[in-house]
Amino acid sequence: MNTQINDLRADMQAQFAQMRERIHELSERVARIETRLDIAADPAGDLDG
């Protein structure tokens, strides 16, 4: 049983690492898009106008 739990934990950690890498890639891509569009990088933005 402990082996199964350890295997599941290792699998989850690997999946989380892949997700962190993908999020990092997407963050870089958004930064490049903002740069090309000359948009200030403000994640909250001014929604009130």
PDB file of N, CA and C in Angstrom:
ATOM      1  N   MET A   1       0.825  -1.199   0.000  1.00  0.00           N
ATOM      2  CA  MET A   1       0.000   0.000   0.000  1.00  0.00           C
ATOM      3  C   MET A   1       0.868   1.261   0.000  1.00  0.00           C
ATOM      4  N   ASN A   2       1.917   1.266   0.810  1.00  0.00           N
ATOM      5  CA  ASN A   2       2.811   2.426   0.842  1.00  0.00           C
ATOM      6  C   ASN A   2       3.486   2.642  -0.506  1.00  0.00           C
ATOM      7  N   THR A   3       3.782   1.553  -1.187  1.00  0.00           N
ATOM      8  CA  THR A   3       4.417   1.671  -2.503  1.00  0.00           C
ATOM      9  C   THR A   3       3.470   2.341  -3.486  1.00  0.00           C
ATOM     10  N   GLN A   4       2.202   1.964  -3.437  1.00  0.00           N
ATOM     11  CA  GLN A   4       1.216   2.578  -4.326  1.00  0.00           C
ATOM     12  C   GLN A   4       1.072   4.066  -4.036  1.00  0.00           C
ATOM     13  N   ILE A   5       1.047   4.415  -2.760  1.00  0.00           N
ATOM     14  CA  ILE A   5       0.938   5.828  -2.376  1.00  0.00           C
ATOM     15  C   ILE A   5       2.163   6.592  -2.848  1.00  0.00           C
ATOM     16  N   ASN A   6       3.328   6.006  -2.662  1.00  0.00           N
ATOM     17  CA  ASN A   6       4.566   6.658  -3.111  1.00  0.00           C
ATOM     18  C   ASN A   6       4.595   6.818  -4.625  1.00  0.00           C
ATOM     19  N   ASP A   7       4.108   5.816  -5.336  1.00  0.00           N
ATOM     20  CA  ASP A   7       4.055   5.897  -6.795  1.00  0.00           C
ATOM     21  C   ASP A   7       3.090   7.005  -7.250  1.00  0.00           C
ATOM     22  N   LEU A   8       1.931   7.068  -6.592  1.00  0.00           N
ATOM     23  CA  LEU A   8       0.966   8.114  -6.922  1.00  0.00           C
ATOM     24  C   LEU A   8       1.534   9.496  -6.610  1.00  0.00           C
ATOM     25  N   ARG A   9       2.221   9.605  -5.495  1.00  0.00           N
ATOM     26  CA  ARG A   9       2.819  10.890  -5.116  1.00  0.00           C
ATOM     27  C   ARG A   9       3.873  11.306  -6.143  1.00  0.00           C
ATOM     28  N   ALA A  10       4.700  10.382  -6.568  1.00  0.00           N
ATOM     29  CA  ALA A  10       5.727  10.690  -7.562  1.00  0.00           C
ATOM     30  C   ALA A  10       5.087  11.116  -8.883  1.00  0.00           C
ATOM     31  N   ASP A  11       4.007  10.438  -9.257  1.00  0.00           N
ATOM     32  CA  ASP A  11       3.297  10.787 -10.491  1.00  0.00           C
ATOM     33  C   ASP A  11       2.697  12.193 -10.381  1.00  0.00           C
ATOM     34  N   MET A  12       2.105  12.494  -9.247  1.00  0.00           N
ATOM     35  CA  MET A  12       1.529  13.823  -9.044  1.00  0.00           C
ATOM     36  C   MET A  12       2.610  14.898  -9.095  1.00  0.00           C
ATOM     37  N   GLN A  13       3.742  14.638  -8.468  1.00  0.00           N
ATOM     38  CA  GLN A  13       4.831  15.611  -8.482  1.00  0.00           C
ATOM     39  C   GLN A  13       5.331  15.852  -9.900  1.00  0.00           C
ATOM     40  N   ALA A  14       5.406  14.802 -10.697  1.00  0.00           N
ATOM     41  CA  ALA A  14       5.835  14.943 -12.086  1.00  0.00           C
ATOM     42  C   ALA A  14       4.820  15.765 -12.882  1.00  0.00           C
ATOM     43  N   GLN A  15       3.539  15.503 -12.644  1.00  0.00           N
ATOM     44  CA  GLN A  15       2.504  16.257 -13.343  1.00  0.00           C
ATOM     45  C   GLN A  15       2.511  17.726 -12.927  1.00  0.00           C
ATOM     46  N   PHE A  16       2.713  17.992 -11.646  1.00  0.00           N
ATOM     47  CA  PHE A  16       2.796  19.382 -11.185  1.00  0.00           C
ATOM     48  C   PHE A  16       3.997  20.085 -11.802  1.00  0.00           C
ATOM     49  N   ALA A  17       5.101  19.389 -11.933  1.00  0.00           N
ATOM     50  CA  ALA A  17       6.288  19.979 -12.556  1.00  0.00           C
ATOM     51  C   ALA A  17       5.995  20.333 -14.009  1.00  0.00           C
ATOM     52  N   GLN A  18       5.285  19.463 -14.719  1.00  0.00           N
ATOM     53  CA  GLN A  18       4.909  19.751 -16.100  1.00  0.00           C
ATOM     54  C   GLN A  18       3.975  20.947 -16.179  1.00  0.00           C
ATOM     55  N   MET A  19       3.046  21.038 -15.246  1.00  0.00           N
ATOM     56  CA  MET A  19       2.116  22.176 -15.239  1.00  0.00           C
ATOM     57  C   MET A  19       2.857  23.474 -14.959  1.00  0.00           C
ATOM     58  N   ARG A  20       3.792  23.459 -14.003  1.00  0.00           N
ATOM     59  CA  ARG A  20       4.569  24.665 -13.711  1.00  0.00           C
ATOM     60  C   ARG A  20       5.364  25.101 -14.924  1.00  0.00           C
ATOM     61  N   GLU A  21       5.951  24.140 -15.632  1.00  0.00           N
ATOM     62  CA  GLU A  21       6.716  24.459 -16.837  1.00  0.00           C
ATOM     63  C   GLU A  21       5.821  25.070 -17.914  1.00  0.00           C
ATOM     64  N   ARG A  22       4.644  24.498 -18.090  1.00  0.00           N
ATOM     65  CA  ARG A  22       3.711  25.015 -19.107  1.00  0.00           C
ATOM     66  C   ARG A  22       3.225  26.419 -18.748  1.00  0.00           C
ATOM     67  N   ILE A  23       2.919  26.636 -17.474  1.00  0.00           N
ATOM     68  CA  ILE A  23       2.485  27.965 -17.029  1.00  0.00           C
ATOM     69  C   ILE A  23       3.593  28.976 -17.267  1.00  0.00           C
ATOM     70  N   HIS A  24       4.825  28.579 -16.995  1.00  0.00           N
ATOM     71  CA  HIS A  24       5.960  29.472 -17.236  1.00  0.00           C
ATOM     72  C   HIS A  24       6.066  29.813 -18.731  1.00  0.00           C
ATOM     73  N   GLU A  25       5.920  28.806 -19.579  1.00  0.00           N
ATOM     74  CA  GLU A  25       5.967  29.036 -21.026  1.00  0.00           C
ATOM     75  C   GLU A  25       4.863  29.996 -21.462  1.00  0.00           C
ATOM     76  N   LEU A  26       3.663  29.803 -20.927  1.00  0.00           N
ATOM     77  CA  LEU A  26       2.551  30.674 -21.304  1.00  0.00           C
ATOM     78  C   LEU A  26       2.752  32.092 -20.783  1.00  0.00           C
ATOM     79  N   SER A  27       3.315  32.227 -19.597  1.00  0.00           N
ATOM     80  CA  SER A  27       3.601  33.559 -19.052  1.00  0.00           C
ATOM     81  C   SER A  27       4.583  34.309 -19.940  1.00  0.00           C
ATOM     82  N   GLU A  28       5.610  33.592 -20.402  1.00  0.00           N
ATOM     83  CA  GLU A  28       6.577  34.221 -21.306  1.00  0.00           C
ATOM     84  C   GLU A  28       5.907  34.613 -22.622  1.00  0.00           C
ATOM     85  N   ARG A  29       5.034  33.761 -23.107  1.00  0.00           N
ATOM     86  CA  ARG A  29       4.348  34.059 -24.364  1.00  0.00           C
ATOM     87  C   ARG A  29       3.457  35.295 -24.230  1.00  0.00           C
ATOM     88  N   VAL A  30       2.719  35.382 -23.126  1.00  0.00           N
ATOM     89  CA  VAL A  30       1.870  36.555 -22.888  1.00  0.00           C
ATOM     90  C   VAL A  30       2.732  37.808 -22.797  1.00  0.00           C
ATOM     91  N   ALA A  31       3.870  37.724 -22.129  1.00  0.00           N
ATOM     92  CA  ALA A  31       4.763  38.881 -22.015  1.00  0.00           C
ATOM     93  C   ALA A  31       5.231  39.342 -23.395  1.00  0.00           C
ATOM     94  N   ARG A  32       5.545  38.390 -24.265  1.00  0.00           N
ATOM     95  CA  ARG A  32       5.962  38.758 -25.629  1.00  0.00           C
ATOM     96  C   ARG A  32       4.812  39.405 -26.404  1.00  0.00           C
ATOM     97  N   ILE A  33       3.610  38.874 -26.240  1.00  0.00           N
ATOM     98  CA  ILE A  33       2.444  39.455 -26.918  1.00  0.00           C
ATOM     99  C   ILE A  33       2.202  40.868 -26.416  1.00  0.00           C
ATOM    100  N   GLU A  34       2.265  41.052 -25.093  1.00  0.00           N
ATOM    101  CA  GLU A  34       2.069  42.390 -24.531  1.00  0.00           C
ATOM    102  C   GLU A  34       3.121  43.359 -25.056  1.00  0.00           C
ATOM    103  N   THR A  35       4.340  42.879 -25.182  1.00  0.00           N
ATOM    104  CA  THR A  35       5.413  43.732 -25.695  1.00  0.00           C
ATOM    105  C   THR A  35       5.128  44.131 -27.138  1.00  0.00           C
ATOM    106  N   ARG A  36       4.718  43.174 -27.946  1.00  0.00           N
ATOM    107  CA  ARG A  36       4.424  43.482 -29.348  1.00  0.00           C
ATOM    108  C   ARG A  36       3.251  44.432 -29.495  1.00  0.00           C
ATOM    109  N   LEU A  37       2.283  44.303 -28.604  1.00  0.00           N
ATOM    110  CA  LEU A  37       1.112  45.171 -28.663  1.00  0.00           C
ATOM    111  C   LEU A  37       1.322  46.454 -27.881  1.00  0.00           C
ATOM    112  N   ASP A  38       2.479  46.578 -27.254  1.00  0.00           N
ATOM    113  CA  ASP A  38       2.824  47.751 -26.456  1.00  0.00           C
ATOM    114  C   ASP A  38       1.806  47.975 -25.338  1.00  0.00           C
ATOM    115  N   ILE A  39       1.509  46.884 -24.642  1.00  0.00           N
ATOM    116  CA  ILE A  39       0.564  46.927 -23.531  1.00  0.00           C
ATOM    117  C   ILE A  39       1.354  46.830 -22.229  1.00  0.00           C
ATOM    118  N   ALA A  40       0.995  47.657 -21.270  1.00  0.00           N
ATOM    119  CA  ALA A  40       1.637  47.576 -19.960  1.00  0.00           C
ATOM    120  C   ALA A  40       1.212  46.277 -19.296  1.00  0.00           C
ATOM    121  N   ALA A  41       2.148  45.614 -18.659  1.00  0.00           N
ATOM    122  CA  ALA A  41       1.865  44.342 -18.000  1.00  0.00           C
ATOM    123  C   ALA A  41       1.287  44.618 -16.621  1.00  0.00           C
ATOM    124  N   ASP A  42      -0.036  44.696 -16.557  1.00  0.00           N
ATOM    125  CA  ASP A  42      -0.730  44.917 -15.293  1.00  0.00           C
ATOM    126  C   ASP A  42      -1.796  43.831 -15.178  1.00  0.00           C
ATOM    127  N   PRO A  43      -1.512  42.765 -14.405  1.00  0.00           N
ATOM    128  CA  PRO A  43      -2.438  41.633 -14.358  1.00  0.00           C
ATOM    129  C   PRO A  43      -3.841  41.997 -13.874  1.00  0.00           C
ATOM    130  N   ALA A  44      -3.948  42.959 -12.969  1.00  0.00           N
ATOM    131  CA  ALA A  44      -5.262  43.314 -12.448  1.00  0.00           C
ATOM    132  C   ALA A  44      -6.005  44.210 -13.439  1.00  0.00           C
ATOM    133  N   GLY A  45      -5.271  45.084 -14.074  1.00  0.00           N
ATOM    134  CA  GLY A  45      -5.887  46.005 -15.028  1.00  0.00           C
ATOM    135  C   GLY A  45      -6.807  46.993 -14.332  1.00  0.00           C
ATOM    136  N   ASP A  46      -7.236  47.979 -15.073  1.00  0.00           N
ATOM    137  CA  ASP A  46      -8.158  48.976 -14.561  1.00  0.00           C
ATOM    138  C   ASP A  46      -9.511  48.718 -15.208  1.00  0.00           C
ATOM    139  N   LEU A  47     -10.341  47.955 -14.534  1.00  0.00           N
ATOM    140  CA  LEU A  47     -11.613  47.552 -15.114  1.00  0.00           C
ATOM    141  C   LEU A  47     -12.660  48.662 -15.045  1.00  0.00           C
ATOM    142  N   ASP A  48     -12.420  49.670 -14.208  1.00  0.00           N
ATOM    143  CA  ASP A  48     -13.387  50.738 -14.048  1.00  0.00           C
ATOM    144  C   ASP A  48     -13.259  51.810 -15.134  1.00  0.00           C
ATOM    145  N   GLY A  49     -12.173  51.745 -15.876  1.00  0.00           N
ATOM    146  CA  GLY A  49     -12.023  52.709 -16.958  1.00  0.00           C
ATOM    147  C   GLY A  49     -11.211  53.825 -16.525  1.00  0.00           C
TER     148      GLY A  49
END
